[in-house]
C-alpha atoms as a PDB file:
ATOM      1  CA  MET A   1     109.490 154.253 112.759  1.00  0.00           C
ATOM      2  CA  ALA A   2     106.566 152.288 114.942  1.00  0.00           C
ATOM      3  CA  SER A   3     106.111 153.510 118.175  1.00  0.00           C
ATOM      4  CA  PRO A   4     105.472 150.262 121.050  1.00  0.00           C
ATOM      5  CA  ALA A   5     101.652 151.112 120.920  1.00  0.00           C
ATOM      6  CA  GLU A   6     101.193 150.538 117.253  1.00  0.00           C
ATOM      7  CA  ILE A   7     103.385 147.115 117.537  1.00  0.00           C
ATOM      8  CA  SER A   8     101.464 146.200 120.479  1.00  0.00           C
ATOM      9  CA  SER A   9      97.804 147.331 118.475  1.00  0.00           C
ATOM     10  CA  LEU A  10      99.204 145.070 115.518  1.00  0.00           C
ATOM     11  CA  VAL A  11     100.296 141.752 116.996  1.00  0.00           C
ATOM     12  CA  GLY A  12      98.774 142.521 120.693  1.00  0.00           C
ATOM     13  CA  SER A  13      95.932 140.166 120.039  1.00  0.00           C
ATOM     14  CA  THR A  14      97.298 137.770 117.514  1.00  0.00           C
ATOM     15  CA  SER A  15      99.816 136.733 120.212  1.00  0.00           C
ATOM     16  CA  ILE A  16      96.992 136.176 123.012  1.00  0.00           C
ATOM     17  CA  LEU A  17      95.144 134.307 120.192  1.00  0.00           C
ATOM     18  CA  ILE A  18      98.058 131.763 119.397  1.00  0.00           C
ATOM     19  CA  TYR A  19      98.561 131.154 123.071  1.00  0.00           C
ATOM     20  CA  CYS A  20      95.107 129.797 123.572  1.00  0.00           C
ATOM     21  CA  GLY A  21      95.934 127.651 120.500  1.00  0.00           C
ATOM     22  CA  CYS A  22      98.944 126.046 121.947  1.00  0.00           C
ATOM     23  CA  GLY A  23      96.320 125.308 125.153  1.00  0.00           C
ATOM     24  CA  LEU A  24      94.125 123.619 122.314  1.00  0.00           C
ATOM     25  CA  TYR A  25      97.323 121.981 121.288  1.00  0.00           C
ATOM     26  CA  GLY A  26      97.931 120.676 125.026  1.00  0.00           C
ATOM     27  CA  ILE A  27      93.922 119.463 125.300  1.00  0.00           C
ATOM     28  CA  LEU A  28      94.308 117.270 121.394  1.00  0.00           C
ATOM     29  CA  CYS A  29      97.603 115.423 122.867  1.00  0.00           C
ATOM     30  CA  ALA A  30      95.509 114.822 126.089  1.00  0.00           C
ATOM     31  CA  GLN A  31      92.453 113.454 123.497  1.00  0.00           C
ATOM     32  CA  ALA A  32      94.964 111.799 121.323  1.00  0.00           C
ATOM     33  CA  PHE A  33      96.598 109.756 124.032  1.00  0.00           C
ATOM     34  CA  GLU A  34      93.193 108.869 125.472  1.00  0.00           C
ATOM     35  CA  CYS A  35      91.923 107.721 121.634  1.00  0.00           C
ATOM     36  CA  MET A  36      95.158 105.405 121.685  1.00  0.00           C
ATOM     37  CA  ASN A  37      95.027 103.958 124.821  1.00  0.00           C
ATOM     38  CA  ASN A  38      91.028 103.030 124.714  1.00  0.00           C
ATOM     39  CA  PHE A  39      90.987 102.214 121.103  1.00  0.00           C
ATOM     40  CA  PRO A  40      94.204 100.323 120.417  1.00  0.00           C
ATOM     41  CA  ASP A  41      92.448  97.608 117.841  1.00  0.00           C
ATOM     42  CA  ASP A  42      91.114 100.725 115.609  1.00  0.00           C
ATOM     43  CA  PRO A  43      91.735  99.854 112.069  1.00  0.00           C
ATOM     44  CA  LYS A  44      95.406 100.833 110.290  1.00  0.00           C
ATOM     45  CA  LEU A  45      93.683 103.616 108.352  1.00  0.00           C
ATOM     46  CA  LEU A  46      91.810 105.214 111.059  1.00  0.00           C
ATOM     47  CA  LYS A  47      95.269 104.700 113.328  1.00  0.00           C
ATOM     48  CA  THR A  48      97.021 106.801 110.029  1.00  0.00           C
ATOM     49  CA  ALA A  49      94.765 109.569 110.171  1.00  0.00           C
ATOM     50  CA  SER A  50      94.862 110.173 113.564  1.00  0.00           C
ATOM     51  CA  ALA A  51      98.991 109.829 113.482  1.00  0.00           C
ATOM     52  CA  ALA A  52      98.740 112.698 110.516  1.00  0.00           C
ATOM     53  CA  VAL A  53      96.492 114.747 111.957  1.00  0.00           C
ATOM     54  CA  MET A  54      98.763 114.812 115.507  1.00  0.00           C
ATOM     55  CA  ILE A  55     101.929 115.003 113.536  1.00  0.00           C
ATOM     56  CA  LEU A  56     100.304 117.784 111.429  1.00  0.00           C
ATOM     57  CA  GLU A  57      99.243 119.877 114.185  1.00  0.00           C
ATOM     58  CA  THR A  58     102.224 119.669 116.137  1.00  0.00           C
ATOM     59  CA  ILE A  59     103.720 120.759 112.443  1.00  0.00           C
ATOM     60  CA  HIS A  60     101.387 123.601 112.894  1.00  0.00           C
ATOM     61  CA  THR A  61     101.543 124.367 116.584  1.00  0.00           C
ATOM     62  CA  SER A  62     105.739 124.833 115.755  1.00  0.00           C
ATOM     63  CA  LEU A  63     104.887 127.110 112.805  1.00  0.00           C
ATOM     64  CA  THR A  64     102.714 129.104 115.189  1.00  0.00           C
ATOM     65  CA  ILE A  65     105.671 129.654 117.803  1.00  0.00           C
ATOM     66  CA  ILE A  66     107.640 130.559 115.118  1.00  0.00           C
ATOM     67  CA  SER A  67     105.521 133.146 113.600  1.00  0.00           C
ATOM     68  CA  LEU A  68     105.152 134.547 117.419  1.00  0.00           C
ATOM     69  CA  TYR A  69     108.862 134.985 117.898  1.00  0.00           C
ATOM     70  CA  ILE A  70     109.418 136.498 114.812  1.00  0.00           C
ATOM     71  CA  TYR A  71     106.861 139.123 115.517  1.00  0.00           C
ATOM     72  CA  THR A  72     107.585 139.785 119.097  1.00  0.00           C
ATOM     73  CA  VAL A  73     111.461 138.877 119.729  1.00  0.00           C
ATOM     74  CA  SER A  74     112.919 139.459 116.045  1.00  0.00           C
ATOM     75  CA  ALA A  75     110.794 142.356 115.827  1.00  0.00           C
ATOM     76  CA  ALA A  76     112.244 144.361 118.644  1.00  0.00           C
ATOM     77  CA  ALA A  77     115.418 144.843 116.831  1.00  0.00           C
ATOM     78  CA  ASP A  78     113.694 146.058 113.790  1.00  0.00           C
ATOM     79  CA  PRO A  79     109.791 147.425 114.088  1.00  0.00           C
ATOM     80  CA  LEU A  80     109.116 147.861 110.787  1.00  0.00           C
ATOM     81  CA  SER A  81     109.897 144.434 109.619  1.00  0.00           C
ATOM     82  CA  ILE A  82     106.371 143.487 111.603  1.00  0.00           C
ATOM     83  CA  LEU A  83     104.830 144.965 108.603  1.00  0.00           C
ATOM     84  CA  GLY A  84     106.203 141.660 106.285  1.00  0.00           C
ATOM     85  CA  ILE A  85     104.831 138.389 106.148  1.00  0.00           C
ATOM     86  CA  SER A  86     106.805 135.314 107.363  1.00  0.00           C
ATOM     87  CA  TRP A  87     107.554 132.923 105.086  1.00  0.00           C
ATOM     88  CA  ASN A  88     106.477 129.901 107.762  1.00  0.00           C
ATOM     89  CA  THR A  89     102.857 131.727 107.237  1.00  0.00           C
ATOM     90  CA  GLY A  90     102.266 130.179 104.008  1.00  0.00           C
ATOM     91  CA  ALA A  91     103.651 127.037 105.388  1.00  0.00           C
ATOM     92  CA  VAL A  92     100.618 127.206 108.074  1.00  0.00           C
ATOM     93  CA  CYS A  93      97.918 127.542 105.746  1.00  0.00           C
ATOM     94  CA  VAL A  94      99.456 124.370 103.581  1.00  0.00           C
ATOM     95  CA  VAL A  95      99.965 122.080 106.508  1.00  0.00           C
ATOM     96  CA  GLU A  96      96.078 123.254 107.367  1.00  0.00           C
ATOM     97  CA  ILE A  97      95.164 121.961 103.884  1.00  0.00           C
ATOM     98  CA  PHE A  98      95.777 118.649 104.982  1.00  0.00           C
ATOM     99  CA  ILE A  99      94.295 118.832 108.813  1.00  0.00           C
ATOM    100  CA  VAL A 100      90.879 120.036 107.293  1.00  0.00           C
ATOM    101  CA  LEU A 101      91.279 117.450 104.017  1.00  0.00           C
ATOM    102  CA  ILE A 102      91.747 114.677 106.585  1.00  0.00           C
ATOM    103  CA  VAL A 103      88.599 115.509 109.344  1.00  0.00           C
ATOM    104  CA  GLN A 104      86.252 116.650 106.805  1.00  0.00           C
ATOM    105  CA  GLY A 105      86.676 113.844 104.683  1.00  0.00           C
ATOM    106  CA  TYR A 106      86.394 111.832 107.315  1.00  0.00           C
ATOM    107  CA  PHE A 107      83.236 113.680 108.736  1.00  0.00           C
ATOM    108  CA  ILE A 108      82.011 113.325 104.767  1.00  0.00           C
ATOM    109  CA  ARG A 109      82.094 109.974 105.216  1.00  0.00           C
ATOM    110  CA  ARG A 110      80.188 109.576 108.060  1.00  0.00           C
ATOM    111  CA  VAL A 111      77.391 111.764 105.915  1.00  0.00           C
ATOM    112  CA  TRP A 112      77.720 108.643 103.134  1.00  0.00           C
ATOM    113  CA  LEU A 113      77.003 105.911 105.878  1.00  0.00           C
ATOM    114  CA  LEU A 114      74.014 108.092 107.973  1.00  0.00           C
ATOM    115  CA  SER A 115      72.438 107.807 104.026  1.00  0.00           C
ATOM    116  CA  ASP A 116      73.045 104.884 103.663  1.00  0.00           C
ATOM    117  CA  GLY A 117      74.136 105.327  99.959  1.00  0.00           C
ATOM    118  CA  ARG A 118      71.092 106.583  98.645  1.00  0.00           C
ATOM    119  CA  ARG A 119      71.027 109.059  95.491  1.00  0.00           C
ATOM    120  CA  THR A 120      70.683 112.159  98.257  1.00  0.00           C
ATOM    121  CA  GLY A 121      73.067 111.510 100.362  1.00  0.00           C
ATOM    122  CA  LEU A 122      75.660 110.953  97.378  1.00  0.00           C
ATOM    123  CA  VAL A 123      74.338 114.549  96.014  1.00  0.00           C
ATOM    124  CA  LEU A 124      75.021 116.089  99.060  1.00  0.00           C
ATOM    125  CA  VAL A 125      78.464 114.069  99.494  1.00  0.00           C
ATOM    126  CA  ILE A 126      79.433 115.953  96.579  1.00  0.00           C
ATOM    127  CA  ILE A 127      77.889 119.276  97.259  1.00  0.00           C
ATOM    128  CA  LEU A 128      79.725 119.199 100.300  1.00  0.00           C
ATOM    129  CA  SER A 129      83.178 117.704  98.693  1.00  0.00           C
ATOM    130  CA  ALA A 130      83.000 120.442  96.590  1.00  0.00           C
ATOM    131  CA  LEU A 131      82.556 123.090  99.695  1.00  0.00           C
ATOM    132  CA  VAL A 132      85.499 121.549 101.077  1.00  0.00           C
ATOM    133  CA  ILE A 133      88.069 121.344  98.145  1.00  0.00           C
ATOM    134  CA  ALA A 134      87.169 124.713  96.923  1.00  0.00           C
ATOM    135  CA  ARG A 135      87.946 126.073 100.334  1.00  0.00           C
ATOM    136  CA  CYS A 136      91.548 124.629 100.161  1.00  0.00           C
ATOM    137  CA  GLY A 137      91.778 125.704  97.193  1.00  0.00           C
ATOM    138  CA  PHE A 138      91.706 129.209  97.907  1.00  0.00           C
ATOM    139  CA  GLU A 139      93.713 128.460 101.082  1.00  0.00           C
ATOM    140  CA  LEU A 140      96.449 126.984  98.523  1.00  0.00           C
ATOM    141  CA  ALA A 141      95.908 130.504  96.092  1.00  0.00           C
ATOM    142  CA  THR A 142      96.271 132.441  99.753  1.00  0.00           C
ATOM    143  CA  ALA A 143      99.424 130.590 100.412  1.00  0.00           C
ATOM    144  CA  ILE A 144     101.027 131.439  97.094  1.00  0.00           C
ATOM    145  CA  TYR A 145     100.327 135.001  97.355  1.00  0.00           C
ATOM    146  CA  ILE A 146     102.392 135.077 100.901  1.00  0.00           C
ATOM    147  CA  TRP A 147     105.140 133.763  99.370  1.00  0.00           C
ATOM    148  CA  SER A 148     104.854 135.978  95.820  1.00  0.00           C
ATOM    149  CA  PRO A 149     107.233 139.012  96.655  1.00  0.00           C
ATOM    150  CA  SER A 150     104.731 141.477  95.189  1.00  0.00           C
ATOM    151  CA  THR A 151     102.388 140.386  98.348  1.00  0.00           C
ATOM    152  CA  ASN A 152     104.741 139.527 100.861  1.00  0.00           C
ATOM    153  CA  THR A 153     103.683 142.361 102.952  1.00  0.00           C
ATOM    154  CA  TRP A 154     100.600 143.004 105.031  1.00  0.00           C
ATOM    155  CA  ILE A 155      99.826 145.721 103.142  1.00  0.00           C
ATOM    156  CA  SER A 156     100.318 144.797  99.493  1.00  0.00           C
ATOM    157  CA  PHE A 157      98.202 141.504 100.243  1.00  0.00           C
ATOM    158  CA  ARG A 158      95.447 143.860 101.415  1.00  0.00           C
ATOM    159  CA  LYS A 159      95.485 145.951  98.318  1.00  0.00           C
ATOM    160  CA  THR A 160      95.972 143.053  95.814  1.00  0.00           C
ATOM    161  CA  ARG A 161      92.554 142.236  94.220  1.00  0.00           C
ATOM    162  CA  ALA A 162      93.518 138.831  93.844  1.00  0.00           C
ATOM    163  CA  SER A 163      94.966 138.116  96.779  1.00  0.00           C
ATOM    164  CA  TYR A 164      92.008 139.577  98.898  1.00  0.00           C
ATOM    165  CA  LEU A 165      90.028 137.545  97.238  1.00  0.00           C
ATOM    166  CA  SER A 166      91.648 134.247  97.744  1.00  0.00           C
ATOM    167  CA  TYR A 167      91.830 135.044 101.111  1.00  0.00           C
ATOM    168  CA  SER A 168      88.372 135.817 101.518  1.00  0.00           C
ATOM    169  CA  GLY A 169      86.998 132.972  99.187  1.00  0.00           C
ATOM    170  CA  TRP A 170      89.001 130.543 101.731  1.00  0.00           C
ATOM    171  CA  LEU A 171      86.670 131.785 105.018  1.00  0.00           C
ATOM    172  CA  ALA A 172      83.546 132.097 102.929  1.00  0.00           C
ATOM    173  CA  PHE A 173      83.787 128.681 101.835  1.00  0.00           C
ATOM    174  CA  ALA A 174      85.238 127.535 105.238  1.00  0.00           C
ATOM    175  CA  THR A 175      81.979 129.038 106.838  1.00  0.00           C
ATOM    176  CA  VAL A 176      79.647 127.501 104.666  1.00  0.00           C
ATOM    177  CA  GLY A 177      81.110 124.357 104.534  1.00  0.00           C
ATOM    178  CA  ASP A 178      81.694 123.980 108.266  1.00  0.00           C
ATOM    179  CA  VAL A 179      77.727 124.876 108.732  1.00  0.00           C
ATOM    180  CA  GLY A 180      76.683 122.450 105.776  1.00  0.00           C
ATOM    181  CA  ILE A 181      78.759 119.224 107.368  1.00  0.00           C
ATOM    182  CA  ALA A 182      77.232 119.604 110.821  1.00  0.00           C
ATOM    183  CA  ALA A 183      73.753 120.223 108.959  1.00  0.00           C
ATOM    184  CA  VAL A 184      73.173 117.067 106.974  1.00  0.00           C
ATOM    185  CA  LEU A 185      74.961 115.181 109.537  1.00  0.00           C
ATOM    186  CA  SER A 186      72.472 116.743 111.767  1.00  0.00           C
ATOM    187  CA  TYR A 187      69.655 115.330 109.479  1.00  0.00           C
ATOM    188  CA  TYR A 188      70.547 112.112 108.813  1.00  0.00           C
ATOM    189  CA  LEU A 189      71.002 111.393 112.525  1.00  0.00           C
ATOM    190  CA  TRP A 190      67.685 113.251 113.646  1.00  0.00           C
ATOM    191  CA  LYS A 191      66.254 110.553 111.102  1.00  0.00           C
ATOM    192  CA  LYS A 192      67.751 107.897 112.721  1.00  0.00           C
ATOM    193  CA  ARG A 193      66.030 108.042 115.982  1.00  0.00           C
ATOM    194  CA  SER A 194      64.009 105.121 117.636  1.00  0.00           C
ATOM    195  CA  ALA A 195      61.619 103.996 119.941  1.00  0.00           C
ATOM    196  CA  VAL A 196      64.877 102.696 122.079  1.00  0.00           C
ATOM    197  CA  ARG A 197      65.558 105.983 124.806  1.00  0.00           C
ATOM    198  CA  SER A 198      69.278 104.514 125.542  1.00  0.00           C
ATOM    199  CA  THR A 199      69.736 104.388 121.175  1.00  0.00           C
ATOM    200  CA  ASN A 200      67.986 108.144 121.164  1.00  0.00           C
ATOM    201  CA  ASN A 201      70.122 109.420 123.901  1.00  0.00           C
ATOM    202  CA  ILE A 202      73.097 108.183 121.874  1.00  0.00           C
ATOM    203  CA  ILE A 203      71.528 110.333 118.929  1.00  0.00           C
ATOM    204  CA  ARG A 204      71.074 113.490 121.084  1.00  0.00           C
ATOM    205  CA  ARG A 205      74.438 113.499 122.449  1.00  0.00           C
ATOM    206  CA  THR A 206      76.070 112.866 118.800  1.00  0.00           C
ATOM    207  CA  MET A 207      73.934 115.496 117.274  1.00  0.00           C
ATOM    208  CA  ALA A 208      74.754 117.857 119.886  1.00  0.00           C
ATOM    209  CA  PHE A 209      78.674 117.553 119.730  1.00  0.00           C
ATOM    210  CA  THR A 210      78.218 117.760 116.061  1.00  0.00           C
ATOM    211  CA  LEU A 211      76.174 120.970 115.968  1.00  0.00           C
ATOM    212  CA  ASN A 212      78.435 122.749 118.570  1.00  0.00           C
ATOM    213  CA  SER A 213      81.700 121.718 117.138  1.00  0.00           C
ATOM    214  CA  GLY A 214      80.550 122.938 113.151  1.00  0.00           C
ATOM    215  CA  ALA A 215      78.989 126.099 114.661  1.00  0.00           C
ATOM    216  CA  ILE A 216      82.387 126.972 116.337  1.00  0.00           C
ATOM    217  CA  THR A 217      84.798 126.442 113.706  1.00  0.00           C
ATOM    218  CA  ALA A 218      82.280 128.131 111.223  1.00  0.00           C
ATOM    219  CA  ALA A 219      82.025 131.319 113.772  1.00  0.00           C
ATOM    220  CA  VAL A 220      85.504 130.877 113.996  1.00  0.00           C
ATOM    221  CA  ALA A 221      86.165 131.050 110.294  1.00  0.00           C
ATOM    222  CA  LEU A 222      83.604 134.332 109.905  1.00  0.00           C
ATOM    223  CA  GLY A 223      85.399 135.949 112.495  1.00  0.00           C
ATOM    224  CA  GLY A 224      88.561 135.435 110.593  1.00  0.00           C
ATOM    225  CA  LEU A 225      86.709 137.245 108.488  1.00  0.00           C
ATOM    226  CA  ILE A 226      85.148 139.894 109.937  1.00  0.00           C
ATOM    227  CA  ALA A 227      88.511 140.845 111.505  1.00  0.00           C
ATOM    228  CA  PHE A 228      90.149 140.896 108.099  1.00  0.00           C
ATOM    229  CA  PHE A 229      87.615 143.601 106.602  1.00  0.00           C
ATOM    230  CA  MET A 230      87.025 145.506 109.953  1.00  0.00           C
ATOM    231  CA  SER A 231      90.791 145.319 111.528  1.00  0.00           C
ATOM    232  CA  ASN A 232      94.179 146.264 111.032  1.00  0.00           C
ATOM    233  CA  SER A 233      95.798 144.338 113.182  1.00  0.00           C
ATOM    234  CA  LEU A 234      96.992 140.854 112.741  1.00  0.00           C
ATOM    235  CA  ALA A 235      94.371 139.184 114.666  1.00  0.00           C
ATOM    236  CA  ASN A 236      92.474 137.585 112.040  1.00  0.00           C
ATOM    237  CA  THR A 237      95.666 135.240 111.528  1.00  0.00           C
ATOM    238  CA  GLY A 238      95.455 134.386 115.181  1.00  0.00           C
ATOM    239  CA  ILE A 239      92.000 133.283 115.014  1.00  0.00           C
ATOM    240  CA  LEU A 240      92.719 131.182 111.829  1.00  0.00           C
ATOM    241  CA  VAL A 241      95.585 129.352 114.849  1.00  0.00           C
ATOM    242  CA  ILE A 242      92.875 128.300 116.573  1.00  0.00           C
ATOM    243  CA  ALA A 243      90.798 127.337 114.046  1.00  0.00           C
ATOM    244  CA  SER A 244      93.211 124.325 113.374  1.00  0.00           C
ATOM    245  CA  LYS A 245      93.234 123.251 116.902  1.00  0.00           C
ATOM    246  CA  LEU A 246      89.024 123.104 116.391  1.00  0.00           C
ATOM    247  CA  TYR A 247      89.572 120.855 113.686  1.00  0.00           C
ATOM    248  CA  ALA A 248      91.824 118.417 114.995  1.00  0.00           C
ATOM    249  CA  ASN A 249      90.130 118.108 118.793  1.00  0.00           C
ATOM    250  CA  SER A 250      86.646 117.731 116.785  1.00  0.00           C
ATOM    251  CA  PHE A 251      88.301 114.747 115.034  1.00  0.00           C
ATOM    252  CA  PHE A 252      89.594 112.998 117.581  1.00  0.00           C
ATOM    253  CA  GLY A 253      86.465 114.184 120.120  1.00  0.00           C
ATOM    254  CA  MET A 254      84.170 112.103 118.055  1.00  0.00           C
ATOM    255  CA  LEU A 255      86.754 109.266 118.174  1.00  0.00           C
ATOM    256  CA  ASN A 256      86.580 109.293 121.718  1.00  0.00           C
ATOM    257  CA  ALA A 257      82.700 109.285 121.727  1.00  0.00           C
ATOM    258  CA  ARG A 258      82.678 105.886 120.955  1.00  0.00           C
ATOM    259  CA  HIS A 259      83.654 105.221 124.298  1.00  0.00           C
ATOM    260  CA  PHE A 260      80.109 106.427 125.781  1.00  0.00           C
ATOM    261  CA  ALA A 261      78.379 104.977 122.767  1.00  0.00           C
ATOM    262  CA  ARG A 262      79.765 101.387 123.757  1.00  0.00           C
ATOM    263  CA  ARG A 263      78.651 101.852 127.152  1.00  0.00           C
ATOM    264  CA  ASP A 264      75.321 103.336 126.975  1.00  0.00           C
ATOM    265  CA  THR A 265      74.745 100.262 124.008  1.00  0.00           C
ATOM    266  CA  VAL A 266      75.260  97.930 127.071  1.00  0.00           C
ATOM    267  CA  ARG A 267      72.985 100.111 128.675  1.00  0.00           C
ATOM    268  CA  ILE A 268      70.498  99.026 126.068  1.00  0.00           C
ATOM    269  CA  VAL A 269      70.620  95.335 127.243  1.00  0.00           C
ATOM    270  CA  GLN A 270      70.972  96.062 130.632  1.00  0.00           C
ATOM    271  CA  ASP A 271      68.125  98.282 131.323  1.00  0.00           C
ATOM    272  CA  SER A 272      64.532  96.719 132.099  1.00  0.00           C
ATOM    273  CA  GLU A 273      63.772  97.960 128.543  1.00  0.00           C
ATOM    274  CA  PHE A 274      63.915  94.116 127.595  1.00  0.00           C
ATOM    275  CA  SER A 275      62.845  90.858 129.068  1.00  0.00           C
ATOM    276  CA  PHE A 276      65.659  87.869 128.973  1.00  0.00           C
ATOM    277  CA  PRO A 277      64.254  84.623 127.549  1.00  0.00           C
ATOM    278  CA  THR A 278      64.886  81.707 129.720  1.00  0.00           C
ATOM    279  CA  THR A 279      66.605  78.505 128.065  1.00  0.00           C
ATOM    280  CA  ASP A 280      65.763  74.976 128.747  1.00  0.00           C
ATOM    281  CA  ASP A 281      67.176  74.328 132.071  1.00  0.00           C
ATOM    282  CA  GLY A 282      65.611  77.627 133.814  1.00  0.00           C
ATOM    283  CA  SER A 283      68.463  79.497 133.459  1.00  0.00           C
ATOM    284  CA  GLN A 284      68.079  83.315 131.941  1.00  0.00           C
ATOM    285  CA  ASN A 285      69.675  83.851 128.677  1.00  0.00           C
ATOM    286  CA  THR A 286      72.060  87.083 128.423  1.00  0.00           C
ATOM    287  CA  ALA A 287      72.180  87.083 124.772  1.00  0.00           C
ATOM    288  CA  GLU A 288      69.531  89.195 123.369  1.00  0.00           C
ATOM    289  CA  ILE A 289      68.878  91.189 120.251  1.00  0.00           C
ATOM    290  CA  VAL A 290      69.901  95.164 120.685  1.00  0.00           C
ATOM    291  CA  PRO A 291      67.779  97.127 117.596  1.00  0.00           C
ATOM    292  CA  VAL A 292      70.856  99.006 116.278  1.00  0.00           C
ATOM    293  CA  ARG A 293      72.045  98.405 112.860  1.00  0.00           C
ATOM    294  CA  PRO A 294      75.879  97.748 112.737  1.00  0.00           C
ATOM    295  CA  ARG A 295      76.458 100.827 109.546  1.00  0.00           C
ATOM    296  CA  TYR A 296      74.236 102.982 111.603  1.00  0.00           C
ATOM    297  CA  LEU A 297      76.190 102.270 114.669  1.00  0.00           C
ATOM    298  CA  ASN A 298      79.063 102.219 112.937  1.00  0.00           C
ATOM    299  CA  ALA A 299      78.371 105.771 111.419  1.00  0.00           C
ATOM    300  CA  LEU A 300      77.663 107.075 114.974  1.00  0.00           C
ATOM    301  CA  ILE A 301      80.614 105.899 116.296  1.00  0.00           C
ATOM    302  CA  LEU A 302      83.131 105.877 113.350  1.00  0.00           C
ATOM    303  CA  THR A 303      84.522 102.469 113.499  1.00  0.00           C
ATOM    304  CA  GLU A 304      83.035  98.831 113.160  1.00  0.00           C
ATOM    305  CA  PHE A 305      81.686  97.913 116.603  1.00  0.00           C
ATOM    306  CA  SER A 306      80.240  94.872 117.847  1.00  0.00           C
ATOM    307  CA  LEU A 307      79.696  93.805 121.609  1.00  0.00           C
ATOM    308  CA  GLU A 308      79.653  89.799 120.431  1.00  0.00           C
ATOM    309  CA  GLY A 309      82.806  87.925 122.515  1.00  0.00           C
ATOM    310  CA  ASP A 310      82.055  90.001 125.640  1.00  0.00           C
ATOM    311  CA  LYS A 311      82.056  87.472 128.461  1.00  0.00           C
ATOM    312  CA  SER A 312      80.799  89.181 130.895  1.00  0.00           C
ATOM    313  CA  LEU A 313      77.693  90.167 128.551  1.00  0.00           C
ATOM    314  CA  PRO A 314      77.270  88.282 125.276  1.00  0.00           C
ATOM    315  CA  VAL A 315      75.158  90.553 123.497  1.00  0.00           C
ATOM    316  CA  LYS A 316      73.719  90.005 119.626  1.00  0.00           C
ATOM    317  CA  ILE A 317      73.307  93.182 117.455  1.00  0.00           C
ATOM    318  CA  SER A 318      71.245  92.621 114.834  1.00  0.00           C
ATOM    319  CA  LYS A 319      69.221  95.104 112.633  1.00  0.00           C
ATOM    320  CA  VAL A 320      66.287  97.238 113.488  1.00  0.00           C
ATOM    321  CA  GLY A 321      63.267  95.614 112.865  1.00  0.00           C
ATOM    322  CA  ASP A 322      64.433  92.080 112.359  1.00  0.00           C
ATOM    323  CA  SER A 323      62.334  89.544 114.339  1.00  0.00           C
ATOM    324  CA  GLU A 324      63.668  86.775 115.444  1.00  0.00           C
END
């Protein structure tokens, strides 16, 4: 029979990481509420994607709490049962696949918008999509092996070559895909720099957020892969619980960044960089051309965005380089 010390070394780190994942779920709820409160007029497709991510994350969190109960409370009566892989572990993988498809699909769409539909952008979109699909395919294979009677214990799962390769492929493609999406997005954002200081501020902040979120999720996937190879504990499963929460938080973080992009776009008009023209009656015309393309700004803040109709500060958005 396994001793309490052996049980603690096996699931102790996993329990802590699951607690951290629950904390990230709380942050996610706050972000979702802020998004719903600040952007009630979002397109139906965006609202559907946001709701789907929240529902899936709620299911994902519930399943991980069940796992925590099984490996800590239920295992107290039968310590050897901790060596088995519970049914909900495979369900966690399946739920995460849908979360990844929504979040990464949305970021890949940003790449397409920022590329202005050019051939190079299409090639990059195809490559990034292939990486995400491969990652999800390996993760689905991992879930199938978890449910398989021949590999439903941690020992047999590690010793079976097919399940071992499916798990390794999942995390390897996750790492490469996260780094690739962050790098390509940052490249296109860097190319969109202009001479307008306020616009560049939006670009720099978006680049910083993109790089940080991509680097963190990639580091977590790589950490799970290293833990799987180097440790006999279940720490790798706890690390992957956090990964799902990071994807969802990066999704809502980018959505909520629209608030700051809108504020800074208004500052473009308010700053002294522009001199407002004078009308025939001698009053100052507050309508001015903001040198930001609607498609470009859309790629930054994720939805169609316009300041037209704002009675407090009417502005006109036109393409970069327009001479009027």
